[in-house]
Amino acid sequence: MANKELEGALPIIVANYARAFGVRVRMQGISAYTNGNTITIPRLDLSDPITSRMAYGYLAHESAHVRYSDFQATARVKRRFLLHTLANIIEDARIERLIGRQFVGVWENLELLRSNPNSGYEQFKARAPLMEPLQQLLAFVLYYTGAYCQRFKVLRPRAAFMLRLLRRRMDHATLGRICSLSLCVLDAKDTADSISIAKAIINTINADGVLAKGAPGNLELPPSARRRGRGGKKVLLRKFCDELSEAEARLKASTGGEASKVAPGADHAAAISSLEKEGLCARDDLGVFETGECRQGRPNFIESVASTARLRRELSARVRAFVENYGSSCSQGSRLNPYRLALAPVGETRVFRDRITRRDNSTSVHLLVDSSGSMLTFDDKRQLTRCEAACRCALSLALALEGISGIHSMCSFFPGSEHEVDVCLRDGQRASERQAYFDQVPRGSTPLAQAIWHAIGSAERTEAQRHIVIVISDGIPDSVEQARTAIAAAQSRGIEMFGIGISLEFIKSLIPNSVVIEDPSELLGAVFKMFEKALIPMEMAA
């Protein structure tokens, strides 16, 4: 994917990944982690394509764990630092290979995550010759499996470097056996197999005493043990095991028991957490990247908009006339090509020398309605709350557009009951059948950015030539910066943004094509007028 397509698109693509992988994803806080059900990524710079790609890679990696890993099996070896760390390295190679084969597009992002330029690998490389052999070995297995199991080319020189260091301190035959065992991950079927491979590598280290002091592979039995024959071998094995335990304890102390410090690229969560954008706070959290469904309100809510029938008919007639005149695509020209015209009976359509194609004018219209707590305010003589007026207005517009070919109408409320956004009307649904879901009550804050990202994603999934988003709000969004970023992303994708503010001019600073009304009773007329102006260009309306 090109950088220009990635720029500012992180919430959209993350939401698509979440749907494809079947997991919940939220952008919140300053740390990246997963609990097996929900994947959390920190507040990131949405305009940085490298950051975005690393976030996609982390999401793919953790989604692979959710799909393919047995968390209970991993938990059973968690207290054994060496086994747990080595098993995680093997398991990462296994699940990334699986997710890369099922979702081809994630491979490059996974490779970037492994080769994060800010991971500190150069500093690690400078210190590597002085490190414990056990740490060198873990780093080698990490890079070796990544290079030969996932085919990450960037890890090949890293694996070769660690192998050169190990050959100075370990028996070459033992290293060959460890390499062969590491590649058994290609045949591993589950997490239990990954743990078995890790145990086999540790048993090889124990059996050969590669961590013992002195020349590796040439250790002799003590005289007393040499006289006892087989019993002497047991003494030597215990000696090797003790040396491995001591090396493990030293490694655990030097890394603080954190796998992320064993080698750069060992802990993806740490890599993503380091990308947190400075200057943001809890108000800038985007929350869970999924939408809810509006709760059903009064079953007879449609009766509350009976007085708008005349306005709805007028708007519907004008929109229908526009669609009938300009909504279909055709070819026309002033000069015919006689040779191609002769082939018209067999399906040739390029019969004009100077063909002019008039494109389809199908349009999606997405109404985003603020249902925050401030919408509970009464402003007019009819004693309607702002939220009630906005709900009636949304239903009236949806009913006016119902059944018009080429018009895709949608409606969402923000915040939702349990999510940042609740969907009231999806593309293809009939407003008359969903009328009870337009009856919503005020609640919560004003997550405008999340609502706009949702609208962008909906527009990209809707087959239409034009996309119009109308925002109705009476307040300031939770995060002005995130709202501006989302609006800029929408406009860069050709989505036409319009706004209607209720008693507050602030919306004009976010969406230039906005109007402000002082009374909720003016809302319906303002929305109808704005939509008609947005849909029908002035030269066509004349």
Protein backbone atom coordinates (compact mmCIF):
# COMPACT_ATOMS: atom_id res chain seq x y z
CA MET A 1 0.00 0.00 0.00
CA ALA A 2 1.35 3.40 -0.96
CA ASN A 3 2.29 5.88 1.72
CA LYS A 4 -0.21 8.44 0.49
CA GLU A 5 -2.96 5.87 0.93
CA LEU A 6 -1.76 5.05 4.44
CA GLU A 7 -1.50 8.65 5.59
CA GLY A 8 -4.16 9.37 8.17
CA ALA A 9 -5.95 6.09 7.42
CA LEU A 10 -4.97 4.15 10.53
CA PRO A 11 -8.44 4.07 12.16
CA ILE A 12 -10.07 2.90 8.91
CA ILE A 13 -7.58 0.14 8.15
CA VAL A 14 -7.38 -0.97 11.77
CA ALA A 15 -11.17 -1.28 11.81
CA ASN A 16 -11.03 -3.33 8.60
CA TYR A 17 -8.32 -5.55 10.08
CA ALA A 18 -10.38 -6.04 13.22
CA ARG A 19 -13.35 -7.21 11.16
CA ALA A 20 -11.17 -9.50 9.03
CA PHE A 21 -9.34 -11.02 12.00
CA GLY A 22 -12.42 -11.22 14.20
CA VAL A 23 -10.94 -9.31 17.18
CA ARG A 24 -11.69 -6.15 19.12
CA VAL A 25 -9.18 -3.31 18.80
CA ARG A 26 -8.98 -0.07 20.76
CA MET A 27 -6.66 2.93 20.62
CA GLN A 28 -6.22 4.05 24.18
CA GLY A 29 -3.53 4.97 26.69
CA ILE A 30 0.24 4.75 26.27
CA SER A 31 0.89 0.98 26.12
CA ALA A 32 0.27 -1.82 23.64
CA TYR A 33 -1.06 -5.12 25.00
CA THR A 34 -3.65 -7.83 24.50
CA ASN A 35 -5.64 -9.97 26.90
CA GLY A 36 -6.58 -12.60 24.34
CA ASN A 37 -9.86 -10.89 23.42
CA THR A 38 -9.09 -7.19 22.92
CA ILE A 39 -5.95 -5.70 21.36
CA THR A 40 -4.96 -2.26 22.66
CA ILE A 41 -2.65 0.10 20.81
CA PRO A 42 -1.49 3.45 22.24
CA ARG A 43 -2.25 6.92 20.89
CA LEU A 44 -0.27 7.12 17.66
CA ASP A 45 0.58 9.72 15.05
CA LEU A 46 -2.09 9.04 12.43
CA SER A 47 -0.21 11.00 9.75
CA ASP A 48 3.02 8.96 9.94
CA PRO A 49 2.92 6.06 7.43
CA ILE A 50 5.73 4.13 9.17
CA THR A 51 3.90 4.31 12.49
CA SER A 52 0.70 3.19 10.79
CA ARG A 53 2.36 0.21 9.12
CA MET A 54 3.93 -0.89 12.38
CA ALA A 55 0.52 -0.64 14.06
CA TYR A 56 -0.96 -2.85 11.32
CA GLY A 57 1.88 -5.33 11.81
CA TYR A 58 1.31 -5.41 15.57
CA LEU A 59 -2.41 -5.89 15.04
CA ALA A 60 -1.77 -8.77 12.62
CA HIS A 61 0.70 -10.36 15.08
CA GLU A 62 -1.61 -10.18 18.08
CA SER A 63 -4.60 -11.26 15.99
CA ALA A 64 -2.59 -14.31 14.96
CA HIS A 65 -2.05 -15.12 18.64
CA VAL A 66 -5.79 -14.81 19.25
CA ARG A 67 -6.51 -17.06 16.28
CA TYR A 68 -3.82 -19.73 16.59
CA SER A 69 -2.24 -19.67 20.08
CA ASP A 70 -3.25 -21.64 23.15
CA PHE A 71 -2.95 -19.07 25.95
CA GLN A 72 -3.46 -21.71 28.63
CA ALA A 73 -0.50 -23.74 27.38
CA THR A 74 1.66 -20.60 27.41
CA ALA A 75 0.52 -19.69 30.93
CA ARG A 76 1.66 -23.09 32.23
CA VAL A 77 5.31 -22.32 31.43
CA LYS A 78 5.25 -18.62 32.27
CA ARG A 79 7.21 -19.02 35.52
CA ARG A 80 10.11 -20.73 33.73
CA PHE A 81 11.83 -17.71 32.21
CA LEU A 82 14.07 -19.47 29.69
CA LEU A 83 11.44 -21.92 28.49
CA HIS A 84 8.77 -19.22 28.30
CA THR A 85 11.01 -16.82 26.36
CA LEU A 86 12.23 -19.47 23.93
CA ALA A 87 8.72 -20.91 23.44
CA ASN A 88 7.41 -17.40 22.69
CA ILE A 89 10.09 -16.93 20.03
CA ILE A 90 9.15 -20.25 18.38
CA GLU A 91 5.42 -19.54 18.70
CA ASP A 92 5.81 -16.07 17.16
CA ALA A 93 7.49 -17.62 14.13
CA ARG A 94 4.70 -20.20 13.82
CA ILE A 95 1.73 -17.85 14.07
CA GLU A 96 3.26 -15.10 11.90
CA ARG A 97 3.87 -17.69 9.20
CA LEU A 98 0.21 -18.74 9.40
CA ILE A 99 -1.26 -15.21 9.38
CA GLY A 100 1.08 -14.20 6.55
CA ARG A 101 -0.17 -17.08 4.40
CA GLN A 102 -3.83 -16.37 5.11
CA PHE A 103 -3.62 -12.56 4.78
CA VAL A 104 -0.90 -11.85 2.23
CA GLY A 105 -1.01 -8.08 2.73
CA VAL A 106 0.29 -8.23 6.31
CA TRP A 107 3.68 -9.77 5.48
CA GLU A 108 5.52 -6.50 4.76
CA ASN A 109 4.09 -4.85 7.87
CA LEU A 110 5.22 -7.79 10.00
CA GLU A 111 8.72 -7.51 8.54
CA LEU A 112 8.80 -3.78 9.31
CA LEU A 113 7.72 -4.51 12.87
CA ARG A 114 10.59 -6.98 13.24
CA SER A 115 13.10 -4.53 11.73
CA ASN A 116 11.90 -1.38 13.48
CA PRO A 117 14.63 1.21 12.74
CA ASN A 118 14.22 2.67 16.23
CA SER A 119 14.49 -0.68 18.00
CA GLY A 120 18.08 -0.08 19.12
CA TYR A 121 19.56 -2.97 17.15
CA GLU A 122 22.81 -1.13 16.36
CA GLN A 123 23.45 -0.56 20.06
CA PHE A 124 22.57 -4.20 20.74
CA LYS A 125 24.98 -5.33 18.01
CA ALA A 126 27.82 -3.32 19.57
CA ARG A 127 27.26 -4.97 22.98
CA ALA A 128 26.52 -8.47 21.65
CA PRO A 129 30.11 -9.88 21.81
CA LEU A 130 30.20 -9.24 25.56
CA MET A 131 26.78 -10.73 26.30
CA GLU A 132 26.04 -14.02 28.00
CA PRO A 133 26.09 -16.98 25.56
CA LEU A 134 22.50 -17.73 26.52
CA GLN A 135 21.33 -14.29 25.45
CA GLN A 136 23.27 -14.63 22.21
CA LEU A 137 21.59 -17.96 21.61
CA LEU A 138 18.08 -16.58 22.18
CA ALA A 139 18.79 -13.67 19.85
CA PHE A 140 20.08 -16.08 17.21
CA VAL A 141 16.97 -18.28 17.38
CA LEU A 142 14.79 -15.14 17.14
CA TYR A 143 16.51 -13.90 13.99
CA TYR A 144 17.09 -17.35 12.48
CA THR A 145 13.43 -18.39 12.66
CA GLY A 146 12.34 -14.99 11.35
CA ALA A 147 14.73 -15.25 8.40
CA TYR A 148 13.99 -18.82 7.38
CA CYS A 149 10.42 -19.40 8.56
CA GLN A 150 8.83 -16.05 7.73
CA ARG A 151 11.37 -15.21 4.98
CA PHE A 152 12.16 -11.78 6.44
CA LYS A 153 15.27 -10.82 4.45
CA VAL A 154 16.19 -8.03 6.86
CA LEU A 155 16.81 -10.62 9.60
CA ARG A 156 19.28 -12.74 7.61
CA PRO A 157 22.37 -10.60 8.32
CA ARG A 158 21.35 -10.40 11.98
CA ALA A 159 21.10 -14.18 12.22
CA ALA A 160 24.46 -14.58 10.48
CA PHE A 161 26.11 -12.11 12.88
CA MET A 162 24.80 -13.92 15.97
CA LEU A 163 25.87 -17.26 14.50
CA ARG A 164 29.47 -16.00 14.08
CA LEU A 165 29.52 -14.98 17.73
CA LEU A 166 28.15 -18.32 18.90
CA ARG A 167 30.67 -20.31 16.89
CA ARG A 168 33.41 -18.77 18.97
CA ARG A 169 31.85 -20.05 22.19
CA MET A 170 29.85 -23.17 21.29
CA ASP A 171 30.41 -26.50 19.62
CA HIS A 172 29.58 -26.33 15.91
CA ALA A 173 27.75 -29.67 15.94
CA THR A 174 25.57 -28.49 18.81
CA LEU A 175 24.75 -25.29 16.92
CA GLY A 176 23.77 -27.39 13.93
CA ARG A 177 21.35 -29.40 16.07
CA ILE A 178 19.86 -26.18 17.50
CA CYS A 179 19.37 -24.82 13.97
CA SER A 180 17.62 -28.01 12.91
CA LEU A 181 15.37 -27.94 15.97
CA SER A 182 14.51 -24.27 15.35
CA LEU A 183 13.32 -25.08 11.84
CA CYS A 184 10.97 -27.73 13.21
CA VAL A 185 8.58 -24.80 13.67
CA LEU A 186 7.74 -25.26 9.97
CA ASP A 187 5.91 -28.46 10.94
CA ALA A 188 4.52 -27.26 14.28
CA LYS A 189 0.76 -27.60 14.44
CA ASP A 190 -0.05 -25.82 17.71
CA THR A 191 1.35 -24.04 20.75
CA ALA A 192 2.17 -27.36 22.43
CA ASP A 193 4.49 -28.20 19.53
CA SER A 194 6.24 -24.82 19.94
CA ILE A 195 6.82 -25.54 23.62
CA SER A 196 8.14 -29.02 22.78
CA ILE A 197 10.64 -27.52 20.33
CA ALA A 198 11.78 -25.04 23.00
CA LYS A 199 12.24 -27.92 25.49
CA ALA A 200 14.24 -29.89 22.90
CA ILE A 201 16.61 -26.93 22.39
CA ILE A 202 17.09 -26.57 26.15
CA ASN A 203 17.75 -30.33 26.48
CA THR A 204 20.39 -30.03 23.74
CA ILE A 205 22.09 -27.27 25.71
CA ASN A 206 22.00 -29.42 28.85
CA ALA A 207 23.27 -32.56 27.15
CA ASP A 208 26.26 -30.91 25.48
CA GLY A 209 27.20 -28.43 28.18
CA VAL A 210 27.66 -25.64 25.72
CA LEU A 211 27.38 -23.04 28.46
CA ALA A 212 30.18 -24.52 30.56
CA LYS A 213 33.41 -22.61 31.10
CA GLY A 214 36.38 -23.66 29.00
CA ALA A 215 36.56 -25.15 25.53
CA PRO A 216 33.10 -26.30 24.50
CA GLY A 217 32.65 -29.94 23.54
CA ASN A 218 35.95 -31.01 25.21
CA LEU A 219 34.89 -31.19 28.84
CA GLU A 220 36.23 -34.16 30.79
CA LEU A 221 34.63 -36.01 33.66
CA PRO A 222 36.15 -35.48 37.10
CA PRO A 223 38.35 -38.45 38.22
CA SER A 224 35.80 -39.64 40.78
CA ALA A 225 33.02 -39.51 38.24
CA ARG A 226 35.18 -41.18 35.55
CA ARG A 227 35.53 -44.29 37.77
CA ARG A 228 31.76 -44.58 38.17
CA GLY A 229 31.07 -44.98 34.43
CA ARG A 230 27.47 -44.10 33.62
CA GLY A 231 27.01 -42.53 37.00
CA GLY A 232 29.73 -40.10 36.06
CA LYS A 233 27.73 -38.95 33.05
CA LYS A 234 24.82 -38.20 35.35
CA VAL A 235 27.13 -36.09 37.51
CA LEU A 236 28.25 -34.19 34.42
CA LEU A 237 24.67 -33.67 33.26
CA ARG A 238 23.76 -32.28 36.67
CA LYS A 239 26.76 -29.97 36.39
CA PHE A 240 25.60 -28.77 32.98
CA CYS A 241 22.08 -28.27 34.29
CA ASP A 242 23.35 -26.23 37.20
CA GLU A 243 25.40 -24.08 34.83
CA LEU A 244 22.35 -23.50 32.63
CA SER A 245 20.28 -22.53 35.66
CA GLU A 246 22.95 -20.06 36.71
CA ALA A 247 23.09 -18.59 33.20
CA GLU A 248 19.30 -18.33 33.15
CA ALA A 249 19.30 -16.53 36.51
CA ARG A 250 21.93 -14.06 35.29
CA LEU A 251 19.97 -13.39 32.09
CA LYS A 252 16.73 -12.90 34.00
CA ALA A 253 18.44 -10.45 36.35
CA SER A 254 20.05 -8.48 33.50
CA THR A 255 16.77 -8.17 31.58
CA GLY A 256 14.55 -7.66 34.60
CA GLY A 257 12.56 -10.71 33.53
CA GLU A 258 11.34 -8.89 30.41
CA ALA A 259 11.48 -10.75 27.09
CA SER A 260 11.60 -7.43 25.23
CA LYS A 261 15.14 -6.86 26.52
CA VAL A 262 16.53 -10.18 25.33
CA ALA A 263 16.96 -8.83 21.78
CA PRO A 264 15.44 -6.09 19.62
CA GLY A 265 12.33 -7.44 17.93
CA ALA A 266 11.48 -9.92 20.67
CA ASP A 267 8.56 -7.90 22.03
CA HIS A 268 6.28 -6.18 19.52
CA ALA A 269 4.19 -4.52 22.22
CA ALA A 270 7.23 -2.62 23.49
CA ALA A 271 8.01 -1.48 19.94
CA ILE A 272 4.50 -0.11 19.44
CA SER A 273 4.35 1.49 22.88
CA SER A 274 7.51 3.46 22.05
CA LEU A 275 5.66 5.11 19.14
CA GLU A 276 3.11 6.87 21.34
CA LYS A 277 2.55 10.42 20.09
CA GLU A 278 3.53 13.03 22.62
CA GLY A 279 1.19 15.86 23.55
CA LEU A 280 -1.98 13.75 23.54
CA CYS A 281 -4.09 12.93 26.58
CA ALA A 282 -7.00 10.69 27.52
CA ARG A 283 -9.42 12.96 25.63
CA ASP A 284 -7.64 11.97 22.41
CA ASP A 285 -8.26 8.23 22.81
CA LEU A 286 -10.27 6.83 19.91
CA GLY A 287 -11.53 3.86 21.92
CA VAL A 288 -12.77 0.60 20.44
CA PHE A 289 -12.71 0.34 16.64
CA GLU A 290 -16.16 -1.11 16.28
CA THR A 291 -19.67 0.25 16.11
CA GLY A 292 -22.79 -0.74 17.96
CA GLU A 293 -26.43 -0.90 16.98
CA CYS A 294 -28.86 1.77 18.10
CA ARG A 295 -31.32 0.60 20.69
CA GLN A 296 -34.93 0.55 19.65
CA GLY A 297 -36.99 3.49 20.86
CA ARG A 298 -40.70 4.21 20.66
CA PRO A 299 -42.39 1.87 18.17
CA ASN A 300 -44.59 4.71 16.86
CA PHE A 301 -41.81 7.30 16.55
CA ILE A 302 -42.71 7.84 12.89
CA GLU A 303 -45.91 9.60 14.00
CA SER A 304 -43.79 12.41 15.46
CA VAL A 305 -42.68 13.44 11.95
CA ALA A 306 -46.13 13.37 10.35
CA SER A 307 -46.13 17.19 10.12
CA THR A 308 -43.05 17.09 7.86
CA ALA A 309 -44.78 15.12 5.11
CA ARG A 310 -45.09 18.10 2.73
CA LEU A 311 -41.42 19.07 3.08
CA ARG A 312 -40.39 15.46 2.60
CA ARG A 313 -42.43 15.15 -0.60
CA GLU A 314 -40.94 18.34 -2.02
CA LEU A 315 -37.38 17.27 -1.28
CA SER A 316 -38.02 13.76 -2.58
CA ALA A 317 -39.45 15.11 -5.85
CA ARG A 318 -36.47 17.39 -6.48
CA VAL A 319 -33.93 14.67 -5.65
CA ARG A 320 -35.75 12.12 -7.79
CA ALA A 321 -35.86 14.55 -10.74
CA PHE A 322 -32.14 15.21 -10.35
CA VAL A 323 -31.33 11.49 -10.28
CA GLU A 324 -33.51 10.73 -13.29
CA ASN A 325 -31.87 13.50 -15.34
CA TYR A 326 -28.27 13.09 -14.23
CA GLY A 327 -28.11 9.77 -12.42
CA SER A 328 -27.35 7.39 -15.29
CA SER A 329 -24.16 7.06 -17.30
CA CYS A 330 -24.15 7.11 -21.08
CA SER A 331 -21.94 7.79 -24.09
CA GLN A 332 -22.65 10.44 -26.68
CA GLY A 333 -20.84 12.12 -29.55
CA SER A 334 -21.27 14.13 -32.76
CA ARG A 335 -19.27 11.93 -35.18
CA LEU A 336 -19.83 8.21 -35.81
CA ASN A 337 -17.15 5.68 -36.66
CA PRO A 338 -18.70 3.68 -39.56
CA TYR A 339 -16.38 0.70 -39.14
CA ARG A 340 -17.26 0.23 -35.47
CA LEU A 341 -20.92 1.09 -36.12
CA ALA A 342 -21.10 -2.00 -38.33
CA LEU A 343 -20.16 -4.08 -35.29
CA ALA A 344 -22.86 -2.58 -33.06
CA PRO A 345 -25.19 -5.61 -33.52
CA VAL A 346 -22.55 -7.84 -31.95
CA GLY A 347 -21.99 -5.61 -28.91
CA GLU A 348 -19.52 -2.92 -29.98
CA THR A 349 -20.18 0.24 -27.94
CA ARG A 350 -17.30 2.48 -29.08
CA VAL A 351 -19.19 3.85 -32.09
CA PHE A 352 -18.32 7.56 -31.68
CA ARG A 353 -15.12 9.19 -32.86
CA ASP A 354 -15.42 11.89 -30.18
CA ARG A 355 -17.09 9.94 -27.39
CA ILE A 356 -18.19 11.84 -24.29
CA THR A 357 -19.09 9.78 -21.24
CA ARG A 358 -21.44 11.19 -18.66
CA ARG A 359 -20.69 9.53 -15.38
CA ASP A 360 -23.07 8.13 -12.83
CA ASN A 361 -24.16 10.59 -10.12
CA SER A 362 -25.03 8.05 -7.45
CA THR A 363 -24.55 9.57 -4.00
CA SER A 364 -24.20 8.29 -0.47
CA VAL A 365 -25.55 10.52 2.29
CA HIS A 366 -24.45 9.85 5.87
CA LEU A 367 -26.04 11.85 8.68
CA LEU A 368 -24.02 11.95 11.92
CA VAL A 369 -26.17 13.02 14.85
CA ASP A 370 -24.75 14.22 18.16
CA SER A 371 -26.49 12.45 21.04
CA SER A 372 -24.25 13.75 23.83
CA GLY A 373 -25.54 14.91 27.19
CA SER A 374 -25.69 18.56 26.12
CA MET A 375 -28.36 17.65 23.56
CA LEU A 376 -30.78 17.31 26.47
CA THR A 377 -31.21 21.11 26.48
CA PHE A 378 -34.66 22.63 25.79
CA ASP A 379 -34.41 25.64 23.49
CA ASP A 380 -37.70 26.27 21.76
CA LYS A 381 -41.30 26.97 22.62
CA ARG A 382 -42.42 23.47 21.64
CA GLN A 383 -40.41 22.12 24.57
CA LEU A 384 -38.41 19.73 22.39
CA THR A 385 -34.91 18.81 23.43
CA ARG A 386 -32.16 19.31 20.90
CA CYS A 387 -31.74 15.54 20.70
CA GLU A 388 -35.44 14.95 20.03
CA ALA A 389 -35.39 17.56 17.25
CA ALA A 390 -32.26 16.02 15.74
CA CYS A 391 -33.77 12.51 15.84
CA ARG A 392 -36.92 13.70 14.09
CA CYS A 393 -34.86 15.58 11.52
CA ALA A 394 -32.74 12.48 10.77
CA LEU A 395 -35.80 10.32 10.31
CA SER A 396 -37.49 12.91 8.07
CA LEU A 397 -34.45 13.12 5.78
CA ALA A 398 -34.11 9.34 5.60
CA LEU A 399 -37.81 8.95 4.75
CA ALA A 400 -37.55 11.61 2.05
CA LEU A 401 -34.67 9.75 0.39
CA GLU A 402 -36.15 6.28 0.78
CA GLY A 403 -36.63 4.34 -2.42
CA ILE A 404 -34.75 6.79 -4.69
CA SER A 405 -32.46 4.84 -6.99
CA GLY A 406 -28.85 6.04 -6.78
CA ILE A 407 -29.20 7.56 -3.30
CA HIS A 408 -27.62 5.58 -0.44
CA SER A 409 -28.78 7.02 2.87
CA MET A 410 -27.18 6.17 6.22
CA CYS A 411 -27.49 7.52 9.75
CA SER A 412 -25.40 7.09 12.92
CA PHE A 413 -25.48 8.56 16.42
CA PHE A 414 -22.48 9.49 18.56
CA PRO A 415 -21.84 8.49 21.25
CA GLY A 416 -23.56 5.13 21.32
CA SER A 417 -24.94 3.30 24.31
CA GLU A 418 -21.87 1.07 24.70
CA HIS A 419 -19.66 2.17 21.81
CA GLU A 420 -18.34 5.47 20.49
CA VAL A 421 -20.79 5.22 17.57
CA ASP A 422 -24.14 3.43 17.17
CA VAL A 423 -25.53 2.74 13.70
CA CYS A 424 -29.17 3.55 13.11
CA LEU A 425 -29.53 3.08 9.35
CA ARG A 426 -27.16 1.17 7.08
CA ASP A 427 -26.91 1.30 3.31
CA GLY A 428 -29.73 -0.78 1.84
CA GLN A 429 -32.02 -0.58 4.87
CA ARG A 430 -35.39 1.19 4.68
CA ALA A 431 -35.98 4.07 7.07
CA SER A 432 -39.67 3.25 7.39
CA GLU A 433 -38.75 -0.17 8.78
CA ARG A 434 -36.05 1.24 11.07
CA GLN A 435 -38.04 4.26 12.31
CA ALA A 436 -38.03 3.15 15.96
CA TYR A 437 -34.22 3.14 15.99
CA PHE A 438 -34.10 6.87 15.22
CA ASP A 439 -35.55 7.56 18.67
CA GLN A 440 -32.40 8.03 20.78
CA VAL A 441 -31.74 9.66 24.15
CA PRO A 442 -28.82 11.94 25.14
CA ARG A 443 -25.82 10.31 26.83
CA GLY A 444 -22.10 10.71 27.25
CA SER A 445 -19.57 12.98 25.58
CA THR A 446 -18.95 14.08 21.96
CA PRO A 447 -16.69 11.59 20.09
CA LEU A 448 -16.94 13.42 16.76
CA ALA A 449 -13.60 12.10 15.44
CA GLN A 450 -14.69 8.49 15.88
CA ALA A 451 -18.00 9.22 14.14
CA ILE A 452 -16.23 10.76 11.14
CA TRP A 453 -13.81 7.84 10.87
CA HIS A 454 -16.82 5.55 10.88
CA ALA A 455 -18.42 7.62 8.12
CA ILE A 456 -15.23 7.44 6.05
CA GLY A 457 -15.17 3.66 6.37
CA SER A 458 -18.84 3.43 5.42
CA ALA A 459 -18.27 5.64 2.37
CA GLU A 460 -15.40 3.46 1.18
CA ARG A 461 -17.63 0.38 1.40
CA THR A 462 -20.49 2.05 -0.48
CA GLU A 463 -20.56 1.94 -4.27
CA ALA A 464 -21.32 5.56 -5.10
CA GLN A 465 -19.67 8.32 -7.12
CA ARG A 466 -20.19 11.00 -4.48
CA HIS A 467 -20.18 10.88 -0.72
CA ILE A 468 -21.81 13.48 1.51
CA VAL A 469 -21.51 13.60 5.30
CA ILE A 470 -23.69 15.96 7.35
CA VAL A 471 -22.85 16.49 11.02
CA ILE A 472 -25.43 17.80 13.49
CA SER A 473 -23.88 18.86 16.80
CA ASP A 474 -24.30 21.42 19.55
CA GLY A 475 -20.92 21.20 21.27
CA ILE A 476 -17.16 20.95 21.09
CA PRO A 477 -15.76 17.47 20.28
CA ASP A 478 -13.87 15.49 22.91
CA SER A 479 -10.63 15.92 20.96
CA VAL A 480 -10.44 18.88 18.59
CA GLU A 481 -7.12 17.65 17.17
CA GLN A 482 -8.46 14.17 16.39
CA ALA A 483 -11.60 15.70 14.86
CA ARG A 484 -9.52 17.94 12.59
CA THR A 485 -7.42 14.93 11.54
CA ALA A 486 -10.52 12.90 10.71
CA ILE A 487 -12.12 15.75 8.75
CA ALA A 488 -8.91 16.29 6.77
CA ALA A 489 -8.79 12.56 6.00
CA ALA A 490 -12.40 12.64 4.78
CA GLN A 491 -11.83 15.64 2.55
CA SER A 492 -8.63 14.12 1.10
CA ARG A 493 -10.76 11.18 -0.02
CA GLY A 494 -13.25 13.40 -1.81
CA ILE A 495 -15.93 13.17 0.87
CA GLU A 496 -17.97 16.38 1.07
CA MET A 497 -18.36 17.52 4.67
CA PHE A 498 -21.22 19.72 5.89
CA GLY A 499 -22.16 20.77 9.40
CA ILE A 500 -25.07 22.21 11.33
CA GLY A 501 -24.38 23.69 14.72
CA ILE A 502 -27.06 24.32 17.31
CA SER A 503 -26.47 27.59 19.17
CA LEU A 504 -22.69 27.27 18.85
CA GLU A 505 -20.41 28.69 16.15
CA PHE A 506 -17.53 26.30 16.89
CA ILE A 507 -18.51 23.83 14.18
CA LYS A 508 -17.62 26.42 11.52
CA SER A 509 -13.98 26.26 12.63
CA LEU A 510 -13.99 22.51 11.97
CA ILE A 511 -16.21 22.27 8.88
CA PRO A 512 -16.23 25.42 6.71
CA ASN A 513 -19.46 24.39 4.95
CA SER A 514 -21.54 24.81 8.08
CA VAL A 515 -24.51 26.82 9.27
CA VAL A 516 -25.58 27.63 12.80
CA ILE A 517 -29.19 27.73 13.99
CA GLU A 518 -30.42 29.19 17.25
CA ASP A 519 -33.51 27.06 17.76
CA PRO A 520 -34.04 23.30 17.22
CA SER A 521 -37.27 24.09 15.40
CA GLU A 522 -35.12 25.46 12.55
CA LEU A 523 -33.17 22.22 12.24
CA LEU A 524 -35.34 20.37 9.73
CA GLY A 525 -35.44 23.25 7.27
CA ALA A 526 -31.70 23.80 7.61
CA VAL A 527 -30.88 20.15 6.97
CA PHE A 528 -33.18 19.87 3.95
CA LYS A 529 -31.82 23.07 2.45
CA MET A 530 -28.21 22.07 3.05
CA PHE A 531 -28.70 18.61 1.57
CA GLU A 532 -30.42 19.95 -1.52
CA LYS A 533 -27.63 22.50 -2.00
CA ALA A 534 -24.97 19.83 -1.53
CA LEU A 535 -26.57 17.29 -3.84
CA ILE A 536 -27.72 19.50 -6.71
CA PRO A 537 -25.09 21.91 -8.11
CA MET A 538 -26.38 25.43 -8.77
CA GLU A 539 -25.93 25.17 -12.54
CA MET A 540 -28.07 22.02 -12.60
CA ALA A 541 -30.69 23.44 -10.24
CA ALA A 542 -31.21 26.47 -12.48
